[in-house]
Amino acid sequence: MSSVESLNEDQSQSLSDMMTSLGKAARAAMPALANAGTEVKNQALLEMAKAIRAQSKEILTANAQDVAKAKANNISSAFLDRLILDEARVESMAAGIEAIAALPDPVGDVMDNWDRPNGLKMSRVRVPLGVIGIIYESRPNVTADAGALCLKAGNAVILRGGSESFESSRAILTCLKTGLAAAGLPDTAIQSIPTTDRAAVGILLQDMPEYVDVIIPRGGKSLVDRVQKEARVPVLAHLEGLCHTYIDRDAEIGMAKSIAVNAKMRRTGICGATETLLIDKSIAGSHLPEIVDALADRGCEIRGDAESRAIDSRIKQATEDDWHTEYLDSIVSVKTVDGINGAIDHIAKYGSHHTDSIVTDNSETAEKFLSQVDSAIVMHNTSTQFADGGEFGMGAEIGISTGRLHSPGPVGAEQLTTFKYVVRGSGQVRP
């Protein structure tokens, strides 16, 4: 064996040992978390928020290092928007943790109970999922959101943030551990993988089913695809947000314009941003120019089909790829459709089952859209940018689950639990 091969084997073993240590520590922390009372968990959360505010300068300094590296690597503006922290975003992290503390504790919640003819009393009760592995890209605020939500739901968590936000996430993690220690909880309840080596992700996905109960990926399609293919434990997937806003023939133009601009341009780099604007052919001539005016004034590039380009020459030619694209940028595709059925058909073909909205004053048409569009979140007369756990009253979210199983939509504390059945008897035996 060559010295290089020996070195590689040693490095691989060292990484494997490190990951195993993280898994063992997380599993060992579970009894304390599962049995922690609501007051203890909330104390830890409030101390976390306090620590984030106290360490704001340190967090921003660490973030500046990450941003400088990202800019040196010519990262896109949309990516930078997700990466950059400022005083307001740091305060938002702290406030989000406080909002999570104020939520009802899902652990121990009795979801249902019933009595059987033989006298057995049965109930279904929420319990923690266990040890969760969370893999995410670029957004350092996910470190705070994920750690806090997992704690509220009684779970231990192993975090793997993007290498681009490594320093930011590490500074935030220090604050989370401060909160855990202040409440007398094991600081191994929230851990992060202390390396940017991508091989660590492979170990987390494939070699740790003894320690990890579920994986949650939050990022681009390539990340989610890899996790779904390689993971040996259940995956709660947050897929891309190819969101649509449909302007119906019965939409009021002022509302349509306001919603379309907000849905696309409020923040272009989030998963709830509208990427494709659908508009009924019958009103495209009257509504589309005003909407294009408003989008263009905000610096948005518009790409469209032949019908929309015939109405407004500022619209560039769209290709088939545009209908499949999550831009995460100041670009939107526009397509004219044949009414509500055309909109539903387009979303069924190109959507990612994330979030889709209809703008209409026709309640019957709205209900058809809400019932027939197969997405985790469907909306009427509002912006897709509300696809966010905080806006749903969850304090924060780990992501928007686009799968059918377990919990589609925003993943908050309640969605990070499962349940068990509790059966109480008085001496019954089965005949």
Foldseek 3Di string as FASTA:
>chain_A
DDPVVVVVVVVVVVLLVLLVVLLVLQQVQQVVLQPDDLVLLLQLLLQLLVLLLVCVVVLQVLLVVLLVVCVVVVHDPLLSVQQHDDPVNSNLLSQLSNLLSPDDQQFQDWPDWDADPVGKIKTKTWGFLEEEEEEEERHLSLLSQVLSLNSSRSYAYEYEYAPSNLRSNVSSLVSSLSSCVVSVGDSSSYHYSNDNPPVSVLCVFAPNVVRHAEYEYYYEQVVQVVSVVRHPHHYQYFYAQAEEEEEFPQFDQVLVLVQLCCLCPVQLNDRLRHAEYEYALVCCLPRVVVSVVSLVVSVAAEAEDPSNCVNPVSHHHDDPVSLQDSPSDRYHYYYYAHGLVRVLVSCVVRNLLAEYEYGHPDVVSRVCQVVRRRHLYYYYSHHSVCQFCVSVSQSGFSHAGGDDPQHGGGHGNNSSIDIDMDMDDDDDDDD
